[in-house]
């Protein structure tokens, strides 16, 4: 069976040919930086399963992009982001206890994405596809207990209660991110609307034989707006 590291390495290797193809196209040397913000919808993929509803939280951070080549109609770039995200999960407790539970997990995340675009480079619309690895570091969290007191966990499905009152076993998160977007380029900069899905490969709790979970990874959908302004721009009258 493939281990998470092998899956992540395989995904990165799949992106490598995109860079190789771009090297035979028209050279570009565009570098831009900016900032972004949006909302994330997160669940934790637990095994044994814990019933949840989506936990929604704001996110924000910084972004940079380097456009290296145009291969036929495909504009090839690499995008780096540094973002803060409040992930975690919100349980749906249906054991008659009237308890509620939500967990905040604060992360700093670094997506490194290969980006391909089709459309206008300078002024106008461009369609985007992006994919690549994402890494995160856990900063801390907070539990929110609600409902009737005292808290009663005696009837939880499958007896899964390890997550209550325990800190995460692992602080490093990693996985694969992919998404679609639209970019409007103007004389004032680039405005991007992006939707993205993140599939976590790193387990937050111990998944060894001694651990209580076989899997405990983030599953995130994010929608965000990004603004980029050019620092370096390729010169050429033929760039549209």
Protein backbone atom coordinates (compact mmCIF):
# COMPACT_ATOMS: atom_id res chain seq x y z
CA UNK A 1 0.00 0.00 0.00
CA UNK A 2 1.26 3.47 -0.88
CA UNK A 3 2.19 5.62 2.08
CA UNK A 4 1.06 9.30 2.21
CA UNK A 5 4.59 10.49 1.40
CA UNK A 6 4.67 8.34 -1.74
CA UNK A 7 1.28 9.68 -2.86
CA UNK A 8 2.44 13.27 -2.36
CA UNK A 9 5.69 12.61 -4.23
CA UNK A 10 3.76 11.04 -7.09
CA UNK A 11 1.49 14.09 -7.32
CA UNK A 12 4.51 16.42 -7.49
CA UNK A 13 6.07 14.31 -10.25
CA UNK A 14 2.86 14.57 -12.25
CA UNK A 15 3.29 18.35 -12.27
CA UNK A 16 6.89 18.26 -13.48
CA UNK A 17 6.09 17.71 -17.21
CA UNK A 18 4.07 20.94 -17.22
CA UNK A 19 7.26 22.89 -16.49
CA UNK A 20 9.17 20.90 -19.10
CA UNK A 21 6.58 21.58 -21.79
CA UNK A 22 6.58 25.28 -20.97
CA UNK A 23 10.31 25.57 -21.69
CA UNK A 24 9.75 25.16 -25.45
CA UNK A 25 7.22 27.99 -25.66
CA UNK A 26 7.46 31.77 -25.57
CA UNK A 27 9.54 33.01 -22.64
CA UNK A 28 7.88 35.06 -19.91
CA UNK A 29 9.41 36.72 -16.86
CA UNK A 30 6.46 38.13 -14.93
CA UNK A 31 6.55 38.34 -11.14
CA UNK A 32 3.68 39.69 -9.05
CA UNK A 33 2.77 39.80 -5.36
CA UNK A 34 -0.36 40.60 -3.42
CA UNK A 35 -2.82 39.44 -0.83
CA UNK A 36 -5.98 37.38 -0.62
CA UNK A 37 -8.91 36.52 1.59
CA UNK A 38 -11.90 34.26 1.57
CA UNK A 39 -13.76 31.50 3.39
CA UNK A 40 -12.96 27.84 4.04
CA UNK A 41 -15.36 24.95 4.60
CA UNK A 42 -13.62 22.16 6.48
CA UNK A 43 -14.28 18.66 7.77
CA UNK A 44 -11.97 16.10 9.33
CA UNK A 45 -11.82 12.73 7.62
CA UNK A 46 -11.94 10.46 10.67
CA UNK A 47 -11.70 6.69 10.78
CA UNK A 48 -13.64 5.50 12.80
CA UNK A 49 -16.16 7.93 11.38
CA UNK A 50 -17.42 10.94 13.32
CA UNK A 51 -20.56 12.56 11.94
CA UNK A 52 -19.99 16.25 11.19
CA UNK A 53 -21.34 19.33 9.52
CA UNK A 54 -19.10 21.71 7.58
CA UNK A 55 -17.13 24.17 9.72
CA UNK A 56 -16.90 27.55 7.99
CA UNK A 57 -14.18 30.09 8.81
CA UNK A 58 -12.50 33.12 7.22
CA UNK A 59 -8.97 32.86 5.82
CA UNK A 60 -6.41 35.42 4.64
CA UNK A 61 -2.81 35.69 3.57
CA UNK A 62 -0.24 36.70 0.98
CA UNK A 63 0.36 35.42 -2.54
CA UNK A 64 3.05 35.63 -5.20
CA UNK A 65 3.22 34.32 -8.75
CA UNK A 66 5.92 33.82 -11.33
CA UNK A 67 4.83 33.41 -14.96
CA UNK A 68 7.59 31.57 -16.83
CA UNK A 69 6.30 30.54 -20.28
CA UNK A 70 3.47 30.54 -22.77
CA UNK A 71 3.16 27.16 -24.49
CA UNK A 72 0.81 27.54 -27.49
CA UNK A 73 -2.31 28.99 -25.77
CA UNK A 74 -1.35 27.85 -22.24
CA UNK A 75 0.16 30.42 -19.87
CA UNK A 76 2.33 28.56 -17.32
CA UNK A 77 3.10 29.90 -13.86
CA UNK A 78 3.99 28.90 -10.31
CA UNK A 79 2.00 30.38 -7.43
CA UNK A 80 3.19 30.52 -3.81
CA UNK A 81 0.89 31.46 -0.95
CA UNK A 82 1.30 31.95 2.79
CA UNK A 83 -2.05 31.90 4.53
CA UNK A 84 -3.73 31.68 7.92
CA UNK A 85 -6.62 29.25 8.21
CA UNK A 86 -8.92 28.24 11.07
CA UNK A 87 -9.78 24.64 10.24
CA UNK A 88 -11.14 21.94 12.55
CA UNK A 89 -14.54 20.31 12.67
CA UNK A 90 -18.07 20.57 14.06
CA UNK A 91 -19.70 17.38 15.24
CA UNK A 92 -23.30 16.28 14.78
CA UNK A 93 -24.08 14.49 18.05
CA UNK A 94 -27.21 12.35 17.87
CA UNK A 95 -26.96 10.18 20.97
CA UNK A 96 -29.68 11.91 22.97
CA UNK A 97 -27.24 13.83 25.18
CA UNK A 98 -28.01 17.26 23.64
CA UNK A 99 -24.26 17.93 23.62
CA UNK A 100 -22.59 20.09 20.95
CA UNK A 101 -18.91 20.19 20.07
CA UNK A 102 -16.72 22.28 17.75
CA UNK A 103 -12.92 22.34 17.50
CA UNK A 104 -10.85 25.24 16.14
CA UNK A 105 -7.50 24.28 14.60
CA UNK A 106 -5.34 27.26 13.65
CA UNK A 107 -2.88 26.67 10.81
CA UNK A 108 -0.29 28.54 8.80
CA UNK A 109 -0.32 27.01 5.31
CA UNK A 110 2.00 27.09 2.31
CA UNK A 111 0.46 25.99 -1.02
CA UNK A 112 2.93 25.66 -3.93
CA UNK A 113 0.88 25.34 -7.10
CA UNK A 114 1.51 24.91 -10.78
CA UNK A 115 -0.94 27.25 -12.51
CA UNK A 116 -2.10 27.07 -16.11
CA UNK A 117 -4.18 29.81 -17.72
CA UNK A 118 -6.03 30.33 -20.99
CA UNK A 119 -7.06 33.77 -22.16
CA UNK A 120 -5.75 37.31 -21.99
CA UNK A 121 -2.40 38.00 -20.31
CA UNK A 122 -2.49 41.77 -20.02
CA UNK A 123 -6.06 43.06 -20.09
CA UNK A 124 -9.09 40.84 -20.01
CA UNK A 125 -10.27 37.50 -18.64
CA UNK A 126 -8.32 34.30 -18.18
CA UNK A 127 -9.46 30.84 -17.06
CA UNK A 128 -7.21 29.12 -14.51
CA UNK A 129 -6.41 25.59 -13.41
CA UNK A 130 -3.98 25.02 -10.54
CA UNK A 131 -2.68 22.02 -8.61
CA UNK A 132 0.19 21.09 -6.34
CA UNK A 133 1.33 20.21 -2.82
CA UNK A 134 0.30 22.13 0.28
CA UNK A 135 2.00 22.15 3.67
CA UNK A 136 0.69 23.41 6.99
CA UNK A 137 1.84 23.93 10.57
CA UNK A 138 -0.53 23.76 13.53
CA UNK A 139 -0.37 26.83 15.78
CA UNK A 140 -2.93 25.88 18.41
CA UNK A 141 -6.62 25.30 18.89
CA UNK A 142 -9.67 25.61 21.09
CA UNK A 143 -12.55 23.33 21.99
CA UNK A 144 -16.13 24.56 22.24
CA UNK A 145 -18.37 22.39 24.42
CA UNK A 146 -22.10 23.09 24.45
CA UNK A 147 -25.43 21.67 25.46
CA UNK A 148 -26.60 20.25 28.74
CA UNK A 149 -24.19 19.78 31.63
CA UNK A 150 -22.62 17.59 32.86
CA UNK A 151 -21.28 16.47 29.51
CA UNK A 152 -22.31 12.88 28.75
CA UNK A 153 -20.17 10.86 26.30
CA UNK A 154 -21.31 7.40 27.38
CA UNK A 155 -23.47 6.78 24.27
CA UNK A 156 -21.19 8.14 21.53
CA UNK A 157 -21.30 6.03 18.33
CA UNK A 158 -18.54 3.39 18.35
CA UNK A 159 -17.32 4.86 21.64
CA UNK A 160 -15.16 7.44 19.83
CA UNK A 161 -14.26 10.03 22.47
CA UNK A 162 -10.46 10.31 22.15
CA UNK A 163 -10.74 13.69 20.41
CA UNK A 164 -12.24 15.40 23.45
CA UNK A 165 -9.74 17.20 25.66
CA UNK A 166 -6.65 15.94 23.82
CA UNK A 167 -4.17 18.01 21.85
CA UNK A 168 -3.22 16.98 18.32
CA UNK A 169 -0.45 14.40 18.07
CA UNK A 170 1.04 15.89 14.89
CA UNK A 171 1.60 19.57 14.11
CA UNK A 172 2.65 19.20 10.47
CA UNK A 173 -0.08 18.85 7.85
CA UNK A 174 0.49 18.07 4.17
CA UNK A 175 -1.57 17.09 1.16
CA UNK A 176 -2.66 17.94 -2.37
CA UNK A 177 -4.59 21.04 -3.47
CA UNK A 178 -6.30 21.64 -6.81
CA UNK A 179 -8.79 24.17 -8.11
CA UNK A 180 -10.24 26.40 -10.80
CA UNK A 181 -10.47 30.14 -11.14
CA UNK A 182 -11.03 33.25 -13.19
CA UNK A 183 -8.57 36.15 -13.50
CA UNK A 184 -9.31 39.69 -14.64
CA UNK A 185 -6.14 41.55 -15.64
CA UNK A 186 -6.23 45.36 -15.74
CA UNK A 187 -3.78 48.25 -15.66
CA UNK A 188 -4.29 48.29 -11.87
CA UNK A 189 -3.34 44.65 -11.37
CA UNK A 190 -4.76 41.14 -11.45
CA UNK A 191 -8.00 40.16 -9.70
CA UNK A 192 -8.50 36.42 -9.18
CA UNK A 193 -11.55 34.47 -8.03
CA UNK A 194 -10.45 30.97 -7.01
CA UNK A 195 -12.17 27.83 -5.78
CA UNK A 196 -9.98 25.07 -4.40
CA UNK A 197 -10.15 21.62 -2.78
CA UNK A 198 -7.51 20.35 -0.38
CA UNK A 199 -7.10 16.64 0.36
CA UNK A 200 -5.03 16.09 3.49
CA UNK A 201 -2.59 13.19 3.53
CA UNK A 202 -1.12 13.83 6.97
CA UNK A 203 -3.02 12.56 10.01
CA UNK A 204 -3.47 14.96 12.91
CA UNK A 205 -3.80 12.17 15.50
CA UNK A 206 -1.63 9.11 16.00
CA UNK A 207 -2.54 6.53 13.33
CA UNK A 208 -0.26 3.76 14.59
CA UNK A 209 -1.56 0.53 16.10
CA UNK A 210 -1.47 2.25 19.49
CA UNK A 211 -3.51 5.21 18.20
CA UNK A 212 -7.27 5.66 18.39
CA UNK A 213 -7.77 6.77 14.78
CA UNK A 214 -6.77 5.08 11.54
CA UNK A 215 -7.18 8.40 9.75
CA UNK A 216 -7.70 12.01 10.88
CA UNK A 217 -6.96 14.41 8.02
CA UNK A 218 -8.27 17.76 6.81
CA UNK A 219 -10.67 17.99 3.87
CA UNK A 220 -11.09 21.62 2.82
CA UNK A 221 -13.05 23.56 0.22
CA UNK A 222 -12.02 27.23 -0.08
CA UNK A 223 -13.33 30.18 -2.07
CA UNK A 224 -11.21 33.33 -2.15
CA UNK A 225 -10.37 36.57 -3.90
CA UNK A 226 -6.74 37.40 -4.68
CA UNK A 227 -5.23 40.70 -5.79
CA UNK A 228 -1.77 40.71 -7.44
CA UNK A 229 0.25 43.66 -8.71
CA UNK A 230 3.22 43.35 -11.05
CA UNK A 231 6.79 43.76 -9.80
CA UNK A 232 8.46 42.50 -12.98
CA UNK A 233 6.70 42.41 -16.34
CA UNK A 234 7.84 40.95 -19.67
CA UNK A 235 8.18 43.57 -22.38
CA UNK A 236 6.68 42.97 -25.81
CA UNK A 237 4.02 44.48 -28.04
CA UNK A 238 2.85 41.01 -29.04
CA UNK A 239 1.70 40.10 -25.50
CA UNK A 240 -2.05 40.57 -25.32
